[in-house]
Amino acid sequence: MRLRFLRKQRGISQLKLALDLHLNQNSISRYENGEREADYRTLILIADYFGVSIDYLLERTDNPIMNK
């Protein structure tokens, strides 16, 4: 998942991201390290937060633009 890349690109700490999304910082760390997979609801939260598509977040495409 591109979570770490997106987070660092915007200069956001794991803690700030976790607080903004009402998640646990430990969960963010585990998503970034591939130790845990985000559920559907969480994927939507993360994609909306960064303004990217879920496919981009999951590295299924290199195009970050969401189709609405």
PDB file of N, CA and C in Angstrom:
ATOM      1  N   MET A   1       0.845  -1.173   0.000  1.00  0.00           N
ATOM      2  CA  MET A   1       0.000   0.000   0.000  1.00  0.00           C
ATOM      3  C   MET A   1       0.893   1.239   0.000  1.00  0.00           C
ATOM      4  N   ARG A   2       0.429   2.258  -0.665  1.00  0.00           N
ATOM      5  CA  ARG A   2       1.182   3.507  -0.786  1.00  0.00           C
ATOM      6  C   ARG A   2       0.990   4.436   0.396  1.00  0.00           C
ATOM      7  N   LEU A   3       0.478   3.965   1.470  1.00  0.00           N
ATOM      8  CA  LEU A   3       0.159   4.812   2.608  1.00  0.00           C
ATOM      9  C   LEU A   3       1.379   5.580   3.104  1.00  0.00           C
ATOM     10  N   ARG A   4       2.482   4.912   3.320  1.00  0.00           N
ATOM     11  CA  ARG A   4       3.687   5.577   3.831  1.00  0.00           C
ATOM     12  C   ARG A   4       4.136   6.685   2.874  1.00  0.00           C
ATOM     13  N   PHE A   5       4.144   6.381   1.573  1.00  0.00           N
ATOM     14  CA  PHE A   5       4.545   7.367   0.575  1.00  0.00           C
ATOM     15  C   PHE A   5       3.656   8.610   0.647  1.00  0.00           C
ATOM     16  N   LEU A   6       2.340   8.406   0.657  1.00  0.00           N
ATOM     17  CA  LEU A   6       1.404   9.527   0.701  1.00  0.00           C
ATOM     18  C   LEU A   6       1.561  10.334   1.985  1.00  0.00           C
ATOM     19  N   ARG A   7       1.700   9.626   3.090  1.00  0.00           N
ATOM     20  CA  ARG A   7       1.842  10.297   4.380  1.00  0.00           C
ATOM     21  C   ARG A   7       3.116  11.140   4.431  1.00  0.00           C
ATOM     22  N   LYS A   8       4.226  10.567   4.019  1.00  0.00           N
ATOM     23  CA  LYS A   8       5.511  11.294   4.050  1.00  0.00           C
ATOM     24  C   LYS A   8       5.533  12.433   3.039  1.00  0.00           C
ATOM     25  N   GLN A   9       4.900  12.223   1.898  1.00  0.00           N
ATOM     26  CA  GLN A   9       4.829  13.261   0.874  1.00  0.00           C
ATOM     27  C   GLN A   9       4.151  14.517   1.413  1.00  0.00           C
ATOM     28  N   ARG A  10       3.206  14.328   2.296  1.00  0.00           N
ATOM     29  CA  ARG A  10       2.471  15.459   2.875  1.00  0.00           C
ATOM     30  C   ARG A  10       3.032  15.908   4.224  1.00  0.00           C
ATOM     31  N   GLY A  11       4.077  15.233   4.697  1.00  0.00           N
ATOM     32  CA  GLY A  11       4.706  15.623   5.954  1.00  0.00           C
ATOM     33  C   GLY A  11       3.835  15.350   7.172  1.00  0.00           C
ATOM     34  N   ILE A  12       3.071  14.279   7.124  1.00  0.00           N
ATOM     35  CA  ILE A  12       2.148  13.924   8.208  1.00  0.00           C
ATOM     36  C   ILE A  12       2.737  12.758   9.004  1.00  0.00           C
ATOM     37  N   SER A  13       2.700  12.857  10.305  1.00  0.00           N
ATOM     38  CA  SER A  13       3.172  11.753  11.149  1.00  0.00           C
ATOM     39  C   SER A  13       2.108  10.664  11.216  1.00  0.00           C
ATOM     40  N   GLN A  14       2.532   9.484  11.617  1.00  0.00           N
ATOM     41  CA  GLN A  14       1.572   8.388  11.805  1.00  0.00           C
ATOM     42  C   GLN A  14       0.536   8.776  12.853  1.00  0.00           C
ATOM     43  N   LEU A  15       0.978   9.445  13.899  1.00  0.00           N
ATOM     44  CA  LEU A  15       0.060   9.835  14.971  1.00  0.00           C
ATOM     45  C   LEU A  15      -0.984  10.824  14.466  1.00  0.00           C
ATOM     46  N   LYS A  16      -0.562  11.842  13.709  1.00  0.00           N
ATOM     47  CA  LYS A  16      -1.528  12.814  13.188  1.00  0.00           C
ATOM     48  C   LYS A  16      -2.532  12.136  12.271  1.00  0.00           C
ATOM     49  N   LEU A  17      -2.049  11.269  11.389  1.00  0.00           N
ATOM     50  CA  LEU A  17      -2.953  10.559  10.491  1.00  0.00           C
ATOM     51  C   LEU A  17      -3.946   9.723  11.289  1.00  0.00           C
ATOM     52  N   ALA A  18      -3.450   9.019  12.277  1.00  0.00           N
ATOM     53  CA  ALA A  18      -4.318   8.185  13.113  1.00  0.00           C
ATOM     54  C   ALA A  18      -5.376   9.038  13.817  1.00  0.00           C
ATOM     55  N   LEU A  19      -4.968  10.158  14.366  1.00  0.00           N
ATOM     56  CA  LEU A  19      -5.918  11.036  15.049  1.00  0.00           C
ATOM     57  C   LEU A  19      -6.952  11.605  14.073  1.00  0.00           C
ATOM     58  N   ASP A  20      -6.492  12.035  12.899  1.00  0.00           N
ATOM     59  CA  ASP A  20      -7.408  12.599  11.894  1.00  0.00           C
ATOM     60  C   ASP A  20      -8.436  11.579  11.419  1.00  0.00           C
ATOM     61  N   LEU A  21      -8.030  10.308  11.350  1.00  0.00           N
ATOM     62  CA  LEU A  21      -8.926   9.262  10.856  1.00  0.00           C
ATOM     63  C   LEU A  21      -9.627   8.487  11.970  1.00  0.00           C
ATOM     64  N   HIS A  22      -9.370   8.896  13.219  1.00  0.00           N
ATOM     65  CA  HIS A  22      -9.949   8.214  14.385  1.00  0.00           C
ATOM     66  C   HIS A  22      -9.533   6.744  14.421  1.00  0.00           C
ATOM     67  N   LEU A  23      -8.243   6.526  14.150  1.00  0.00           N
ATOM     68  CA  LEU A  23      -7.664   5.193  14.194  1.00  0.00           C
ATOM     69  C   LEU A  23      -6.547   5.163  15.221  1.00  0.00           C
ATOM     70  N   ASN A  24      -6.002   3.998  15.433  1.00  0.00           N
ATOM     71  CA  ASN A  24      -4.892   3.805  16.348  1.00  0.00           C
ATOM     72  C   ASN A  24      -3.587   3.957  15.575  1.00  0.00           C
ATOM     73  N   GLN A  25      -2.595   4.630  16.164  1.00  0.00           N
ATOM     74  CA  GLN A  25      -1.303   4.811  15.499  1.00  0.00           C
ATOM     75  C   GLN A  25      -0.659   3.469  15.175  1.00  0.00           C
ATOM     76  N   ASN A  26      -0.870   2.490  16.035  1.00  0.00           N
ATOM     77  CA  ASN A  26      -0.354   1.143  15.813  1.00  0.00           C
ATOM     78  C   ASN A  26      -0.919   0.545  14.523  1.00  0.00           C
ATOM     79  N   SER A  27      -2.184   0.796  14.262  1.00  0.00           N
ATOM     80  CA  SER A  27      -2.813   0.288  13.036  1.00  0.00           C
ATOM     81  C   SER A  27      -2.170   0.909  11.806  1.00  0.00           C
ATOM     82  N   ILE A  28      -1.916   2.217  11.844  1.00  0.00           N
ATOM     83  CA  ILE A  28      -1.264   2.896  10.722  1.00  0.00           C
ATOM     84  C   ILE A  28       0.103   2.255  10.461  1.00  0.00           C
ATOM     85  N   SER A  29       0.850   2.043  11.516  1.00  0.00           N
ATOM     86  CA  SER A  29       2.171   1.421  11.396  1.00  0.00           C
ATOM     87  C   SER A  29       2.073   0.037  10.774  1.00  0.00           C
ATOM     88  N   ARG A  30       1.116  -0.741  11.210  1.00  0.00           N
ATOM     89  CA  ARG A  30       0.957  -2.095  10.683  1.00  0.00           C
ATOM     90  C   ARG A  30       0.512  -2.094   9.221  1.00  0.00           C
ATOM     91  N   TYR A  31      -0.342  -1.133   8.842  1.00  0.00           N
ATOM     92  CA  TYR A  31      -0.729  -1.020   7.435  1.00  0.00           C
ATOM     93  C   TYR A  31       0.499  -0.693   6.595  1.00  0.00           C
ATOM     94  N   GLU A  32       1.309   0.234   7.069  1.00  0.00           N
ATOM     95  CA  GLU A  32       2.493   0.647   6.314  1.00  0.00           C
ATOM     96  C   GLU A  32       3.524  -0.466   6.194  1.00  0.00           C
ATOM     97  N   ASN A  33       3.638  -1.288   7.201  1.00  0.00           N
ATOM     98  CA  ASN A  33       4.629  -2.369   7.190  1.00  0.00           C
ATOM     99  C   ASN A  33       4.105  -3.673   6.595  1.00  0.00           C
ATOM    100  N   GLY A  34       2.846  -3.678   6.172  1.00  0.00           N
ATOM    101  CA  GLY A  34       2.271  -4.865   5.566  1.00  0.00           C
ATOM    102  C   GLY A  34       1.941  -5.962   6.567  1.00  0.00           C
ATOM    103  N   GLU A  35       1.910  -5.617   7.842  1.00  0.00           N
ATOM    104  CA  GLU A  35       1.587  -6.594   8.879  1.00  0.00           C
ATOM    105  C   GLU A  35       0.080  -6.782   9.033  1.00  0.00           C
ATOM    106  N   ARG A  36      -0.679  -5.841   8.496  1.00  0.00           N
ATOM    107  CA  ARG A  36      -2.128  -5.867   8.616  1.00  0.00           C
ATOM    108  C   ARG A  36      -2.721  -5.219   7.370  1.00  0.00           C
ATOM    109  N   GLU A  37      -3.890  -5.689   6.958  1.00  0.00           N
ATOM    110  CA  GLU A  37      -4.585  -5.099   5.813  1.00  0.00           C
ATOM    111  C   GLU A  37      -5.784  -4.301   6.301  1.00  0.00           C
ATOM    112  N   ALA A  38      -5.953  -3.139   5.715  1.00  0.00           N
ATOM    113  CA  ALA A  38      -7.079  -2.280   6.081  1.00  0.00           C
ATOM    114  C   ALA A  38      -8.379  -2.877   5.560  1.00  0.00           C
ATOM    115  N   ASP A  39      -9.438  -2.723   6.341  1.00  0.00           N
ATOM    116  CA  ASP A  39     -10.745  -3.177   5.881  1.00  0.00           C
ATOM    117  C   ASP A  39     -11.311  -2.151   4.889  1.00  0.00           C
ATOM    118  N   TYR A  40     -12.440  -2.488   4.305  1.00  0.00           N
ATOM    119  CA  TYR A  40     -13.042  -1.655   3.265  1.00  0.00           C
ATOM    120  C   TYR A  40     -13.308  -0.238   3.762  1.00  0.00           C
ATOM    121  N   ARG A  41     -13.897  -0.103   4.934  1.00  0.00           N
ATOM    122  CA  ARG A  41     -14.212   1.198   5.515  1.00  0.00           C
ATOM    123  C   ARG A  41     -12.961   2.045   5.688  1.00  0.00           C
ATOM    124  N   THR A  42     -11.893   1.421   6.183  1.00  0.00           N
ATOM    125  CA  THR A  42     -10.646   2.124   6.425  1.00  0.00           C
ATOM    126  C   THR A  42      -9.981   2.529   5.118  1.00  0.00           C
ATOM    127  N   LEU A  43     -10.051   1.667   4.098  1.00  0.00           N
ATOM    128  CA  LEU A  43      -9.513   2.020   2.792  1.00  0.00           C
ATOM    129  C   LEU A  43     -10.191   3.269   2.234  1.00  0.00           C
ATOM    130  N   ILE A  44     -11.489   3.337   2.396  1.00  0.00           N
ATOM    131  CA  ILE A  44     -12.238   4.502   1.926  1.00  0.00           C
ATOM    132  C   ILE A  44     -11.800   5.748   2.697  1.00  0.00           C
ATOM    133  N   LEU A  45     -11.669   5.635   4.010  1.00  0.00           N
ATOM    134  CA  LEU A  45     -11.225   6.766   4.838  1.00  0.00           C
ATOM    135  C   LEU A  45      -9.863   7.285   4.377  1.00  0.00           C
ATOM    136  N   ILE A  46      -8.930   6.372   4.180  1.00  0.00           N
ATOM    137  CA  ILE A  46      -7.573   6.758   3.787  1.00  0.00           C
ATOM    138  C   ILE A  46      -7.567   7.374   2.390  1.00  0.00           C
ATOM    139  N   ALA A  47      -8.263   6.744   1.453  1.00  0.00           N
ATOM    140  CA  ALA A  47      -8.315   7.263   0.085  1.00  0.00           C
ATOM    141  C   ALA A  47      -8.947   8.658   0.054  1.00  0.00           C
ATOM    142  N   ASP A  48     -10.041   8.844   0.776  1.00  0.00           N
ATOM    143  CA  ASP A  48     -10.693  10.156   0.831  1.00  0.00           C
ATOM    144  C   ASP A  48      -9.786  11.200   1.491  1.00  0.00           C
ATOM    145  N   TYR A  49      -9.084  10.810   2.529  1.00  0.00           N
ATOM    146  CA  TYR A  49      -8.194  11.717   3.253  1.00  0.00           C
ATOM    147  C   TYR A  49      -7.115  12.273   2.321  1.00  0.00           C
ATOM    148  N   PHE A  50      -6.540  11.411   1.500  1.00  0.00           N
ATOM    149  CA  PHE A  50      -5.466  11.829   0.602  1.00  0.00           C
ATOM    150  C   PHE A  50      -5.967  12.240  -0.782  1.00  0.00           C
ATOM    151  N   GLY A  51      -7.253  12.062  -1.038  1.00  0.00           N
ATOM    152  CA  GLY A  51      -7.820  12.449  -2.330  1.00  0.00           C
ATOM    153  C   GLY A  51      -7.339  11.594  -3.480  1.00  0.00           C
ATOM    154  N   VAL A  52      -7.180  10.302  -3.210  1.00  0.00           N
ATOM    155  CA  VAL A  52      -6.732   9.360  -4.242  1.00  0.00           C
ATOM    156  C   VAL A  52      -7.738   8.217  -4.351  1.00  0.00           C
ATOM    157  N   SER A  53      -7.607   7.457  -5.413  1.00  0.00           N
ATOM    158  CA  SER A  53      -8.488   6.301  -5.571  1.00  0.00           C
ATOM    159  C   SER A  53      -7.982   5.137  -4.712  1.00  0.00           C
ATOM    160  N   ILE A  54      -8.873   4.228  -4.411  1.00  0.00           N
ATOM    161  CA  ILE A  54      -8.487   3.031  -3.674  1.00  0.00           C
ATOM    162  C   ILE A  54      -7.538   2.191  -4.516  1.00  0.00           C
ATOM    163  N   ASP A  55      -7.754   2.144  -5.810  1.00  0.00           N
ATOM    164  CA  ASP A  55      -6.843   1.407  -6.690  1.00  0.00           C
ATOM    165  C   ASP A  55      -5.423   1.968  -6.609  1.00  0.00           C
ATOM    166  N   TYR A  56      -5.291   3.288  -6.550  1.00  0.00           N
ATOM    167  CA  TYR A  56      -3.965   3.905  -6.409  1.00  0.00           C
ATOM    168  C   TYR A  56      -3.362   3.536  -5.053  1.00  0.00           C
ATOM    169  N   LEU A  57      -4.165   3.620  -4.029  1.00  0.00           N
ATOM    170  CA  LEU A  57      -3.710   3.297  -2.681  1.00  0.00           C
ATOM    171  C   LEU A  57      -3.203   1.858  -2.602  1.00  0.00           C
ATOM    172  N   LEU A  58      -3.871   0.947  -3.289  1.00  0.00           N
ATOM    173  CA  LEU A  58      -3.498  -0.476  -3.271  1.00  0.00           C
ATOM    174  C   LEU A  58      -2.501  -0.849  -4.361  1.00  0.00           C
ATOM    175  N   GLU A  59      -1.980   0.176  -5.067  1.00  0.00           N
ATOM    176  CA  GLU A  59      -0.967  -0.017  -6.111  1.00  0.00           C
ATOM    177  C   GLU A  59      -1.470  -0.827  -7.307  1.00  0.00           C
ATOM    178  N   ARG A  60      -2.776  -0.708  -7.585  1.00  0.00           N
ATOM    179  CA  ARG A  60      -3.335  -1.371  -8.767  1.00  0.00           C
ATOM    180  C   ARG A  60      -3.213  -0.483  -9.993  1.00  0.00           C
ATOM    181  N   THR A  61      -2.930   0.808  -9.770  1.00  0.00           N
ATOM    182  CA  THR A  61      -2.724   1.774 -10.840  1.00  0.00           C
ATOM    183  C   THR A  61      -1.746   2.829 -10.354  1.00  0.00           C
ATOM    184  N   ASP A  62      -1.119   3.501 -11.303  1.00  0.00           N
ATOM    185  CA  ASP A  62      -0.240   4.608 -10.949  1.00  0.00           C
ATOM    186  C   ASP A  62      -0.941   5.959 -11.091  1.00  0.00           C
ATOM    187  N   ASN A  63      -2.215   5.925 -11.435  1.00  0.00           N
ATOM    188  CA  ASN A  63      -3.015   7.127 -11.581  1.00  0.00           C
ATOM    189  C   ASN A  63      -3.778   7.392 -10.277  1.00  0.00           C
ATOM    190  N   PRO A  64      -3.422   8.465  -9.562  1.00  0.00           N
ATOM    191  CA  PRO A  64      -4.072   8.718  -8.272  1.00  0.00           C
ATOM    192  C   PRO A  64      -5.472   9.315  -8.370  1.00  0.00           C
ATOM    193  N   ILE A  65      -5.893   9.715  -9.564  1.00  0.00           N
ATOM    194  CA  ILE A  65      -7.160  10.416  -9.722  1.00  0.00           C
ATOM    195  C   ILE A  65      -8.343   9.481  -9.499  1.00  0.00           C
ATOM    196  N   MET A  66      -9.295   9.968  -8.697  1.00  0.00           N
ATOM    197  CA  MET A  66     -10.516   9.207  -8.436  1.00  0.00           C
ATOM    198  C   MET A  66     -11.517   9.457  -9.556  1.00  0.00           C
ATOM    199  N   ASN A  67     -12.166   8.428 -10.020  1.00  0.00           N
ATOM    200  CA  ASN A  67     -13.240   8.558 -10.989  1.00  0.00           C
ATOM    201  C   ASN A  67     -14.551   8.654 -10.230  1.00  0.00           C
ATOM    202  N   LYS A  68     -15.286   9.722 -10.460  1.00  0.00           N
ATOM    203  CA  LYS A  68     -16.572   9.894  -9.768  1.00  0.00           C
ATOM    204  C   LYS A  68     -17.704   9.850 -10.737  1.00  0.00           C
TER     205      LYS A  68
END
